[in-house]
PDB file of N, CA and C in Angstrom:
ATOM      1  N   UNK A   1       0.810  -1.188   0.000  1.00  0.00           N
ATOM      2  CA  UNK A   1       0.000   0.000   0.000  1.00  0.00           C
ATOM      3  C   UNK A   1       0.859   1.259   0.000  1.00  0.00           C
ATOM      4  N   UNK A   2       1.909   1.246   0.799  1.00  0.00           N
ATOM      5  CA  UNK A   2       2.793   2.417   0.826  1.00  0.00           C
ATOM      6  C   UNK A   2       3.447   2.596  -0.536  1.00  0.00           C
ATOM      7  N   UNK A   3       3.914   1.491  -1.104  1.00  0.00           N
ATOM      8  CA  UNK A   3       4.570   1.566  -2.418  1.00  0.00           C
ATOM      9  C   UNK A   3       3.615   2.154  -3.465  1.00  0.00           C
ATOM     10  N   UNK A   4       2.386   1.718  -3.475  1.00  0.00           N
ATOM     11  CA  UNK A   4       1.405   2.268  -4.417  1.00  0.00           C
ATOM     12  C   UNK A   4       1.202   3.756  -4.183  1.00  0.00           C
ATOM     13  N   UNK A   5       1.128   4.136  -2.928  1.00  0.00           N
ATOM     14  CA  UNK A   5       0.859   5.549  -2.591  1.00  0.00           C
ATOM     15  C   UNK A   5       1.991   6.469  -3.037  1.00  0.00           C
ATOM     16  N   UNK A   6       3.239   5.983  -2.955  1.00  0.00           N
ATOM     17  CA  UNK A   6       4.389   6.828  -3.312  1.00  0.00           C
ATOM     18  C   UNK A   6       4.946   6.486  -4.689  1.00  0.00           C
ATOM     19  N   UNK A   7       4.177   5.747  -5.473  1.00  0.00           N
ATOM     20  CA  UNK A   7       4.576   5.366  -6.841  1.00  0.00           C
ATOM     21  C   UNK A   7       5.944   4.697  -6.861  1.00  0.00           C
ATOM     22  N   UNK A   8       6.071   3.658  -6.028  1.00  0.00           N
ATOM     23  CA  UNK A   8       7.337   2.927  -5.918  1.00  0.00           C
ATOM     24  C   UNK A   8       7.030   1.433  -5.936  1.00  0.00           C
ATOM     25  N   UNK A   9       8.018   0.628  -5.559  1.00  0.00           N
ATOM     26  CA  UNK A   9       7.817  -0.815  -5.449  1.00  0.00           C
ATOM     27  C   UNK A   9       7.965  -1.223  -3.986  1.00  0.00           C
ATOM     28  N   UNK A  10       7.417  -2.380  -3.660  1.00  0.00           N
ATOM     29  CA  UNK A  10       7.530  -2.894  -2.299  1.00  0.00           C
ATOM     30  C   UNK A  10       8.995  -3.054  -1.904  1.00  0.00           C
ATOM     31  N   UNK A  11       9.800  -3.556  -2.811  1.00  0.00           N
ATOM     32  CA  UNK A  11      11.226  -3.761  -2.541  1.00  0.00           C
ATOM     33  C   UNK A  11      11.950  -2.448  -2.253  1.00  0.00           C
ATOM     34  N   UNK A  12      11.645  -1.428  -3.031  1.00  0.00           N
ATOM     35  CA  UNK A  12      12.292  -0.126  -2.814  1.00  0.00           C
ATOM     36  C   UNK A  12      11.877   0.487  -1.479  1.00  0.00           C
ATOM     37  N   UNK A  13      10.607   0.359  -1.137  1.00  0.00           N
ATOM     38  CA  UNK A  13      10.127   0.891   0.147  1.00  0.00           C
ATOM     39  C   UNK A  13      10.791   0.150   1.302  1.00  0.00           C
ATOM     40  N   UNK A  14      10.897  -1.175   1.202  1.00  0.00           N
ATOM     41  CA  UNK A  14      11.534  -1.967   2.260  1.00  0.00           C
ATOM     42  C   UNK A  14      13.005  -1.578   2.413  1.00  0.00           C
ATOM     43  N   UNK A  15      13.703  -1.432   1.314  1.00  0.00           N
ATOM     44  CA  UNK A  15      15.111  -1.038   1.360  1.00  0.00           C
ATOM     45  C   UNK A  15      15.269   0.331   2.015  1.00  0.00           C
ATOM     46  N   UNK A  16      14.429   1.277   1.638  1.00  0.00           N
ATOM     47  CA  UNK A  16      14.486   2.616   2.219  1.00  0.00           C
ATOM     48  C   UNK A  16      14.175   2.582   3.719  1.00  0.00           C
ATOM     49  N   UNK A  17      13.152   1.826   4.098  1.00  0.00           N
ATOM     50  CA  UNK A  17      12.774   1.692   5.505  1.00  0.00           C
ATOM     51  C   UNK A  17      13.924   1.132   6.324  1.00  0.00           C
ATOM     52  N   UNK A  18      14.570   0.080   5.800  1.00  0.00           N
ATOM     53  CA  UNK A  18      15.702  -0.535   6.505  1.00  0.00           C
ATOM     54  C   UNK A  18      16.875   0.426   6.600  1.00  0.00           C
ATOM     55  N   UNK A  19      17.099   1.227   5.559  1.00  0.00           N
ATOM     56  CA  UNK A  19      18.207   2.189   5.586  1.00  0.00           C
ATOM     57  C   UNK A  19      18.006   3.234   6.679  1.00  0.00           C
ATOM     58  N   UNK A  20      16.761   3.469   7.055  1.00  0.00           N
ATOM     59  CA  UNK A  20      16.443   4.413   8.134  1.00  0.00           C
ATOM     60  C   UNK A  20      16.427   3.742   9.515  1.00  0.00           C
ATOM     61  N   UNK A  21      16.644   2.435   9.515  1.00  0.00           N
ATOM     62  CA  UNK A  21      16.625   1.695  10.780  1.00  0.00           C
ATOM     63  C   UNK A  21      15.233   1.362  11.271  1.00  0.00           C
ATOM     64  N   UNK A  22      14.247   1.462  10.396  1.00  0.00           N
ATOM     65  CA  UNK A  22      12.869   1.139  10.761  1.00  0.00           C
ATOM     66  C   UNK A  22      12.642  -0.341  10.461  1.00  0.00           C
ATOM     67  N   UNK A  23      12.753  -1.148  11.508  1.00  0.00           N
ATOM     68  CA  UNK A  23      12.626  -2.596  11.367  1.00  0.00           C
ATOM     69  C   UNK A  23      11.640  -3.117  12.410  1.00  0.00           C
ATOM     70  N   UNK A  24      10.958  -4.199  12.114  1.00  0.00           N
ATOM     71  CA  UNK A  24      10.001  -4.746  13.082  1.00  0.00           C
ATOM     72  C   UNK A  24      10.706  -5.460  14.226  1.00  0.00           C
ATOM     73  N   UNK A  25      10.002  -5.555  15.348  1.00  0.00           N
ATOM     74  CA  UNK A  25      10.501  -6.265  16.520  1.00  0.00           C
ATOM     75  C   UNK A  25       9.440  -7.252  16.995  1.00  0.00           C
ATOM     76  N   UNK A  26       9.890  -8.374  17.551  1.00  0.00           N
ATOM     77  CA  UNK A  26       9.002  -9.407  18.062  1.00  0.00           C
ATOM     78  C   UNK A  26       8.721  -9.119  19.528  1.00  0.00           C
ATOM     79  N   UNK A  27       7.437  -9.016  19.873  1.00  0.00           N
ATOM     80  CA  UNK A  27       7.031  -8.726  21.238  1.00  0.00           C
ATOM     81  C   UNK A  27       6.143  -9.856  21.750  1.00  0.00           C
ATOM     82  N   UNK A  28       6.157 -10.066  23.065  1.00  0.00           N
ATOM     83  CA  UNK A  28       5.282 -11.050  23.693  1.00  0.00           C
ATOM     84  C   UNK A  28       4.039 -10.349  24.232  1.00  0.00           C
ATOM     85  N   UNK A  29       2.917 -11.006  24.124  1.00  0.00           N
ATOM     86  CA  UNK A  29       1.687 -10.479  24.712  1.00  0.00           C
ATOM     87  C   UNK A  29       1.732 -10.775  26.194  1.00  0.00           C
ATOM     88  N   UNK A  30       1.518  -9.748  26.995  1.00  0.00           N
ATOM     89  CA  UNK A  30       1.504  -9.909  28.456  1.00  0.00           C
ATOM     90  C   UNK A  30       0.162 -10.506  28.857  1.00  0.00           C
ATOM     91  N   UNK A  31       0.156 -11.790  29.146  1.00  0.00           N
ATOM     92  CA  UNK A  31      -1.088 -12.481  29.488  1.00  0.00           C
ATOM     93  C   UNK A  31      -1.377 -12.432  30.979  1.00  0.00           C
ATOM     94  N   UNK A  32      -0.500 -11.784  31.759  1.00  0.00           N
ATOM     95  CA  UNK A  32      -0.682 -11.747  33.208  1.00  0.00           C
ATOM     96  C   UNK A  32      -0.886 -10.336  33.737  1.00  0.00           C
ATOM     97  N   UNK A  33      -1.227  -9.393  32.884  1.00  0.00           N
ATOM     98  CA  UNK A  33      -1.521  -8.001  33.270  1.00  0.00           C
ATOM     99  C   UNK A  33      -0.398  -7.384  34.091  1.00  0.00           C
ATOM    100  N   UNK A  34       0.833  -7.739  33.806  1.00  0.00           N
ATOM    101  CA  UNK A  34       2.029  -7.195  34.451  1.00  0.00           C
ATOM    102  C   UNK A  34       2.116  -7.521  35.938  1.00  0.00           C
ATOM    103  N   UNK A  35       1.295  -8.458  36.428  1.00  0.00           N
ATOM    104  CA  UNK A  35       1.392  -8.857  37.833  1.00  0.00           C
ATOM    105  C   UNK A  35       2.615  -9.725  38.070  1.00  0.00           C
ATOM    106  N   UNK A  36       2.944 -10.541  37.078  1.00  0.00           N
ATOM    107  CA  UNK A  36       4.106 -11.426  37.135  1.00  0.00           C
ATOM    108  C   UNK A  36       4.758 -11.389  35.760  1.00  0.00           C
ATOM    109  N   UNK A  37       6.043 -11.735  35.667  1.00  0.00           N
ATOM    110  CA  UNK A  37       6.660 -11.806  34.338  1.00  0.00           C
ATOM    111  C   UNK A  37       5.942 -12.854  33.482  1.00  0.00           C
ATOM    112  N   UNK A  38       5.517 -12.469  32.313  1.00  0.00           N
ATOM    113  CA  UNK A  38       4.793 -13.376  31.423  1.00  0.00           C
ATOM    114  C   UNK A  38       5.760 -13.963  30.410  1.00  0.00           C
ATOM    115  N   UNK A  39       5.887 -15.261  30.403  1.00  0.00           N
ATOM    116  CA  UNK A  39       6.733 -15.948  29.427  1.00  0.00           C
ATOM    117  C   UNK A  39       5.820 -16.815  28.567  1.00  0.00           C
ATOM    118  N   UNK A  40       5.069 -16.166  27.690  1.00  0.00           N
ATOM    119  CA  UNK A  40       4.111 -16.885  26.856  1.00  0.00           C
ATOM    120  C   UNK A  40       4.648 -17.029  25.440  1.00  0.00           C
ATOM    121  N   UNK A  41       4.006 -17.883  24.684  1.00  0.00           N
ATOM    122  CA  UNK A  41       4.366 -18.011  23.283  1.00  0.00           C
ATOM    123  C   UNK A  41       3.379 -17.264  22.399  1.00  0.00           C
ATOM    124  N   UNK A  42       2.658 -16.318  22.970  1.00  0.00           N
ATOM    125  CA  UNK A  42       1.802 -15.428  22.187  1.00  0.00           C
ATOM    126  C   UNK A  42       2.653 -14.247  21.761  1.00  0.00           C
ATOM    127  N   UNK A  43       2.945 -14.180  20.495  1.00  0.00           N
ATOM    128  CA  UNK A  43       3.863 -13.161  19.987  1.00  0.00           C
ATOM    129  C   UNK A  43       3.190 -12.313  18.923  1.00  0.00           C
ATOM    130  N   UNK A  44       3.705 -11.105  18.745  1.00  0.00           N
ATOM    131  CA  UNK A  44       3.266 -10.257  17.644  1.00  0.00           C
ATOM    132  C   UNK A  44       4.464  -9.463  17.143  1.00  0.00           C
ATOM    133  N   UNK A  45       4.360  -8.976  15.928  1.00  0.00           N
ATOM    134  CA  UNK A  45       5.431  -8.194  15.322  1.00  0.00           C
ATOM    135  C   UNK A  45       4.945  -6.759  15.214  1.00  0.00           C
ATOM    136  N   UNK A  46       5.809  -5.817  15.617  1.00  0.00           N
ATOM    137  CA  UNK A  46       5.440  -4.413  15.590  1.00  0.00           C
ATOM    138  C   UNK A  46       6.636  -3.551  15.198  1.00  0.00           C
ATOM    139  N   UNK A  47       6.337  -2.415  14.624  1.00  0.00           N
ATOM    140  CA  UNK A  47       7.382  -1.427  14.354  1.00  0.00           C
ATOM    141  C   UNK A  47       7.521  -0.489  15.544  1.00  0.00           C
ATOM    142  N   UNK A  48       6.657  -0.617  16.535  1.00  0.00           N
ATOM    143  CA  UNK A  48       6.679   0.236  17.715  1.00  0.00           C
ATOM    144  C   UNK A  48       7.464  -0.472  18.820  1.00  0.00           C
ATOM    145  N   UNK A  49       8.752  -0.611  18.620  1.00  0.00           N
ATOM    146  CA  UNK A  49       9.603  -1.263  19.600  1.00  0.00           C
ATOM    147  C   UNK A  49      11.049  -1.004  19.292  1.00  0.00           C
ATOM    148  N   UNK A  50      11.897  -1.253  20.284  1.00  0.00           N
ATOM    149  CA  UNK A  50      13.332  -1.030  20.090  1.00  0.00           C
ATOM    150  C   UNK A  50      14.145  -2.300  20.275  1.00  0.00           C
ATOM    151  N   UNK A  51      13.484  -3.384  20.706  1.00  0.00           N
ATOM    152  CA  UNK A  51      14.190  -4.655  20.884  1.00  0.00           C
ATOM    153  C   UNK A  51      13.183  -5.806  20.790  1.00  0.00           C
ATOM    154  N   UNK A  52      13.699  -7.001  20.568  1.00  0.00           N
ATOM    155  CA  UNK A  52      12.874  -8.207  20.542  1.00  0.00           C
ATOM    156  C   UNK A  52      12.709  -8.732  21.962  1.00  0.00           C
ATOM    157  N   UNK A  53      11.523  -9.210  22.311  1.00  0.00           N
ATOM    158  CA  UNK A  53      11.297  -9.833  23.608  1.00  0.00           C
ATOM    159  C   UNK A  53      11.821 -11.262  23.638  1.00  0.00           C
ATOM    160  N   UNK A  54      11.951 -11.883  22.487  1.00  0.00           N
ATOM    161  CA  UNK A  54      12.487 -13.238  22.386  1.00  0.00           C
ATOM    162  C   UNK A  54      13.581 -13.232  21.335  1.00  0.00           C
ATOM    163  N   UNK A  55      14.495 -14.164  21.470  1.00  0.00           N
ATOM    164  CA  UNK A  55      15.570 -14.265  20.494  1.00  0.00           C
ATOM    165  C   UNK A  55      15.031 -14.888  19.213  1.00  0.00           C
ATOM    166  N   UNK A  56      15.355 -14.289  18.098  1.00  0.00           N
ATOM    167  CA  UNK A  56      14.923 -14.859  16.826  1.00  0.00           C
ATOM    168  C   UNK A  56      15.740 -16.091  16.472  1.00  0.00           C
ATOM    169  N   UNK A  57      16.750 -16.389  17.263  1.00  0.00           N
ATOM    170  CA  UNK A  57      17.596 -17.552  17.005  1.00  0.00           C
ATOM    171  C   UNK A  57      17.387 -18.638  18.043  1.00  0.00           C
ATOM    172  N   UNK A  58      16.311 -18.531  18.867  1.00  0.00           N
ATOM    173  CA  UNK A  58      16.028 -19.562  19.859  1.00  0.00           C
ATOM    174  C   UNK A  58      15.832 -20.901  19.168  1.00  0.00           C
ATOM    175  N   UNK A  59      16.242 -21.958  19.842  1.00  0.00           N
ATOM    176  CA  UNK A  59      16.057 -23.291  19.290  1.00  0.00           C
ATOM    177  C   UNK A  59      14.597 -23.690  19.428  1.00  0.00           C
ATOM    178  N   UNK A  60      14.081 -24.354  18.430  1.00  0.00           N
ATOM    179  CA  UNK A  60      12.704 -24.820  18.441  1.00  0.00           C
ATOM    180  C   UNK A  60      12.646 -26.154  19.175  1.00  0.00           C
ATOM    181  N   UNK A  61      11.701 -26.284  20.069  1.00  0.00           N
ATOM    182  CA  UNK A  61      11.464 -27.528  20.812  1.00  0.00           C
ATOM    183  C   UNK A  61      12.691 -27.983  21.595  1.00  0.00           C
ATOM    184  N   UNK A  62      13.618 -27.077  21.854  1.00  0.00           N
ATOM    185  CA  UNK A  62      14.767 -27.390  22.685  1.00  0.00           C
ATOM    186  C   UNK A  62      15.828 -28.241  22.018  1.00  0.00           C
ATOM    187  N   UNK A  63      15.707 -28.515  20.748  1.00  0.00           N
ATOM    188  CA  UNK A  63      16.675 -29.346  20.056  1.00  0.00           C
ATOM    189  C   UNK A  63      17.281 -28.557  18.911  1.00  0.00           C
ATOM    190  N   UNK A  64      18.575 -28.406  18.921  1.00  0.00           N
ATOM    191  CA  UNK A  64      19.248 -27.645  17.870  1.00  0.00           C
ATOM    192  C   UNK A  64      18.989 -28.285  16.515  1.00  0.00           C
ATOM    193  N   UNK A  65      18.579 -27.461  15.573  1.00  0.00           N
ATOM    194  CA  UNK A  65      18.377 -27.948  14.218  1.00  0.00           C
ATOM    195  C   UNK A  65      17.013 -28.558  13.964  1.00  0.00           C
ATOM    196  N   UNK A  66      16.168 -28.636  15.003  1.00  0.00           N
ATOM    197  CA  UNK A  66      14.848 -29.226  14.777  1.00  0.00           C
ATOM    198  C   UNK A  66      13.948 -28.235  14.056  1.00  0.00           C
ATOM    199  N   UNK A  67      12.888 -28.743  13.475  1.00  0.00           N
ATOM    200  CA  UNK A  67      11.947 -27.890  12.762  1.00  0.00           C
ATOM    201  C   UNK A  67      10.694 -27.716  13.593  1.00  0.00           C
ATOM    202  N   UNK A  68       9.998 -26.631  13.374  1.00  0.00           N
ATOM    203  CA  UNK A  68       8.773 -26.362  14.100  1.00  0.00           C
ATOM    204  C   UNK A  68       7.725 -25.803  13.167  1.00  0.00           C
ATOM    205  N   UNK A  69       6.561 -25.591  13.716  1.00  0.00           N
ATOM    206  CA  UNK A  69       5.450 -25.029  12.977  1.00  0.00           C
ATOM    207  C   UNK A  69       4.994 -23.775  13.704  1.00  0.00           C
ATOM    208  N   UNK A  70       4.760 -22.712  12.949  1.00  0.00           N
ATOM    209  CA  UNK A  70       4.269 -21.473  13.526  1.00  0.00           C
ATOM    210  C   UNK A  70       2.849 -21.244  13.012  1.00  0.00           C
ATOM    211  N   UNK A  71       1.940 -20.964  13.934  1.00  0.00           N
ATOM    212  CA  UNK A  71       0.566 -20.661  13.570  1.00  0.00           C
ATOM    213  C   UNK A  71       0.419 -19.148  13.610  1.00  0.00           C
ATOM    214  N   UNK A  72       0.082 -18.557  12.469  1.00  0.00           N
ATOM    215  CA  UNK A  72      -0.043 -17.112  12.367  1.00  0.00           C
ATOM    216  C   UNK A  72      -1.505 -16.702  12.364  1.00  0.00           C
ATOM    217  N   UNK A  73      -1.775 -15.616  13.051  1.00  0.00           N
ATOM    218  CA  UNK A  73      -3.110 -15.021  13.027  1.00  0.00           C
ATOM    219  C   UNK A  73      -2.991 -13.610  12.501  1.00  0.00           C
ATOM    220  N   UNK A  74      -4.087 -13.011  12.175  1.00  0.00           N
ATOM    221  CA  UNK A  74      -4.034 -11.637  11.688  1.00  0.00           C
ATOM    222  C   UNK A  74      -5.285 -10.898  12.118  1.00  0.00           C
ATOM    223  N   UNK A  75      -5.217  -9.604  12.037  1.00  0.00           N
ATOM    224  CA  UNK A  75      -6.353  -8.776  12.375  1.00  0.00           C
ATOM    225  C   UNK A  75      -6.235  -8.213  13.774  1.00  0.00           C
ATOM    226  N   UNK A  76      -7.200  -7.427  14.114  1.00  0.00           N
ATOM    227  CA  UNK A  76      -7.200  -6.765  15.428  1.00  0.00           C
ATOM    228  C   UNK A  76      -7.480  -7.773  16.533  1.00  0.00           C
ATOM    229  N   UNK A  77      -6.822  -7.590  17.656  1.00  0.00           N
ATOM    230  CA  UNK A  77      -7.047  -8.395  18.841  1.00  0.00           C
ATOM    231  C   UNK A  77      -7.961  -7.590  19.741  1.00  0.00           C
ATOM    232  N   UNK A  78      -9.159  -8.045  19.991  1.00  0.00           N
ATOM    233  CA  UNK A  78     -10.101  -7.270  20.785  1.00  0.00           C
ATOM    234  C   UNK A  78     -10.732  -8.141  21.859  1.00  0.00           C
ATOM    235  N   UNK A  79     -11.376  -7.483  22.799  1.00  0.00           N
ATOM    236  CA  UNK A  79     -12.030  -8.205  23.885  1.00  0.00           C
ATOM    237  C   UNK A  79     -13.032  -9.185  23.282  1.00  0.00           C
ATOM    238  N   UNK A  80     -12.953 -10.420  23.730  1.00  0.00           N
ATOM    239  CA  UNK A  80     -13.864 -11.444  23.244  1.00  0.00           C
ATOM    240  C   UNK A  80     -13.316 -12.269  22.105  1.00  0.00           C
ATOM    241  N   UNK A  81     -12.251 -11.821  21.465  1.00  0.00           N
ATOM    242  CA  UNK A  81     -11.724 -12.576  20.325  1.00  0.00           C
ATOM    243  C   UNK A  81     -10.683 -13.599  20.737  1.00  0.00           C
ATOM    244  N   UNK A  82     -10.124 -13.464  21.938  1.00  0.00           N
ATOM    245  CA  UNK A  82      -9.009 -14.333  22.319  1.00  0.00           C
ATOM    246  C   UNK A  82      -9.426 -15.795  22.420  1.00  0.00           C
ATOM    247  N   UNK A  83     -10.628 -16.077  22.915  1.00  0.00           N
ATOM    248  CA  UNK A  83     -11.069 -17.461  23.048  1.00  0.00           C
ATOM    249  C   UNK A  83     -11.174 -18.106  21.678  1.00  0.00           C
ATOM    250  N   UNK A  84     -11.758 -17.386  20.723  1.00  0.00           N
ATOM    251  CA  UNK A  84     -11.890 -17.928  19.378  1.00  0.00           C
ATOM    252  C   UNK A  84     -10.522 -18.142  18.739  1.00  0.00           C
ATOM    253  N   UNK A  85      -9.605 -17.182  18.931  1.00  0.00           N
ATOM    254  CA  UNK A  85      -8.267 -17.339  18.372  1.00  0.00           C
ATOM    255  C   UNK A  85      -7.576 -18.537  19.000  1.00  0.00           C
ATOM    256  N   UNK A  86      -7.645 -18.665  20.324  1.00  0.00           N
ATOM    257  CA  UNK A  86      -7.022 -19.804  21.000  1.00  0.00           C
ATOM    258  C   UNK A  86      -7.582 -21.119  20.485  1.00  0.00           C
ATOM    259  N   UNK A  87      -8.903 -21.205  20.332  1.00  0.00           N
ATOM    260  CA  UNK A  87      -9.530 -22.435  19.857  1.00  0.00           C
ATOM    261  C   UNK A  87      -9.035 -22.765  18.456  1.00  0.00           C
ATOM    262  N   UNK A  88      -8.985 -21.762  17.583  1.00  0.00           N
ATOM    263  CA  UNK A  88      -8.524 -21.987  16.214  1.00  0.00           C
ATOM    264  C   UNK A  88      -7.062 -22.414  16.186  1.00  0.00           C
ATOM    265  N   UNK A  89      -6.214 -21.735  16.971  1.00  0.00           N
ATOM    266  CA  UNK A  89      -4.785 -22.057  16.989  1.00  0.00           C
ATOM    267  C   UNK A  89      -4.547 -23.455  17.542  1.00  0.00           C
ATOM    268  N   UNK A  90      -5.191 -23.790  18.648  1.00  0.00           N
ATOM    269  CA  UNK A  90      -5.017 -25.111  19.251  1.00  0.00           C
ATOM    270  C   UNK A  90      -5.545 -26.196  18.315  1.00  0.00           C
ATOM    271  N   UNK A  91      -6.685 -25.971  17.695  1.00  0.00           N
ATOM    272  CA  UNK A  91      -7.231 -26.960  16.754  1.00  0.00           C
ATOM    273  C   UNK A  91      -6.291 -27.166  15.574  1.00  0.00           C
ATOM    274  N   UNK A  92      -5.683 -26.098  15.108  1.00  0.00           N
ATOM    275  CA  UNK A  92      -4.727 -26.183  14.003  1.00  0.00           C
ATOM    276  C   UNK A  92      -3.520 -27.034  14.405  1.00  0.00           C
ATOM    277  N   UNK A  93      -2.961 -26.752  15.574  1.00  0.00           N
ATOM    278  CA  UNK A  93      -1.789 -27.502  16.049  1.00  0.00           C
ATOM    279  C   UNK A  93      -2.142 -28.978  16.240  1.00  0.00           C
ATOM    280  N   UNK A  94      -3.308 -29.270  16.780  1.00  0.00           N
ATOM    281  CA  UNK A  94      -3.722 -30.672  16.953  1.00  0.00           C
ATOM    282  C   UNK A  94      -3.802 -31.391  15.603  1.00  0.00           C
ATOM    283  N   UNK A  95      -4.354 -30.724  14.607  1.00  0.00           N
ATOM    284  CA  UNK A  95      -4.461 -31.325  13.278  1.00  0.00           C
ATOM    285  C   UNK A  95      -3.083 -31.573  12.678  1.00  0.00           C
ATOM    286  N   UNK A  96      -2.163 -30.627  12.880  1.00  0.00           N
ATOM    287  CA  UNK A  96      -0.793 -30.782  12.383  1.00  0.00           C
ATOM    288  C   UNK A  96      -0.117 -31.972  13.054  1.00  0.00           C
ATOM    289  N   UNK A  97      -0.296 -32.097  14.361  1.00  0.00           N
ATOM    290  CA  UNK A  97       0.287 -33.241  15.097  1.00  0.00           C
ATOM    291  C   UNK A  97      -0.278 -34.565  14.605  1.00  0.00           C
ATOM    292  N   UNK A  98      -1.607 -34.595  14.368  1.00  0.00           N
ATOM    293  CA  UNK A  98      -2.235 -35.819  13.881  1.00  0.00           C
ATOM    294  C   UNK A  98      -1.664 -36.239  12.520  1.00  0.00           C
ATOM    295  N   UNK A  99      -1.235 -35.264  11.726  1.00  0.00           N
ATOM    296  CA  UNK A  99      -0.629 -35.551  10.437  1.00  0.00           C
ATOM    297  C   UNK A  99       0.839 -35.942  10.562  1.00  0.00           C
ATOM    298  N   UNK A 100       1.379 -35.840  11.782  1.00  0.00           N
ATOM    299  CA  UNK A 100       2.768 -36.217  12.003  1.00  0.00           C
ATOM    300  C   UNK A 100       3.777 -35.173  11.559  1.00  0.00           C
ATOM    301  N   UNK A 101       3.368 -33.931  11.419  1.00  0.00           N
ATOM    302  CA  UNK A 101       4.265 -32.861  10.979  1.00  0.00           C
ATOM    303  C   UNK A 101       4.926 -32.168  12.137  1.00  0.00           C
TER     304      UNK A 101
END
């Protein structure tokens, strides 16, 4: 959308953004309302950050070189949507496991 608006290409916009140091960061959703440190696997990517909450080089499943599956969601996160998202994500992971992936 930005590329269309400025009569450019997606690649050129990305290159320019990176040259300015505007890069996304991985953040964890605080599922405990800041009462305790939250170490959840609910993550989101944002440009409104200065560091990653998790290492992008963490080992998957605790085994170096192993492969994993990431379930991505999109759209606004609002009150009442979390249960549906959790159900969809968990159902997806169960189906993947049943397939042996």
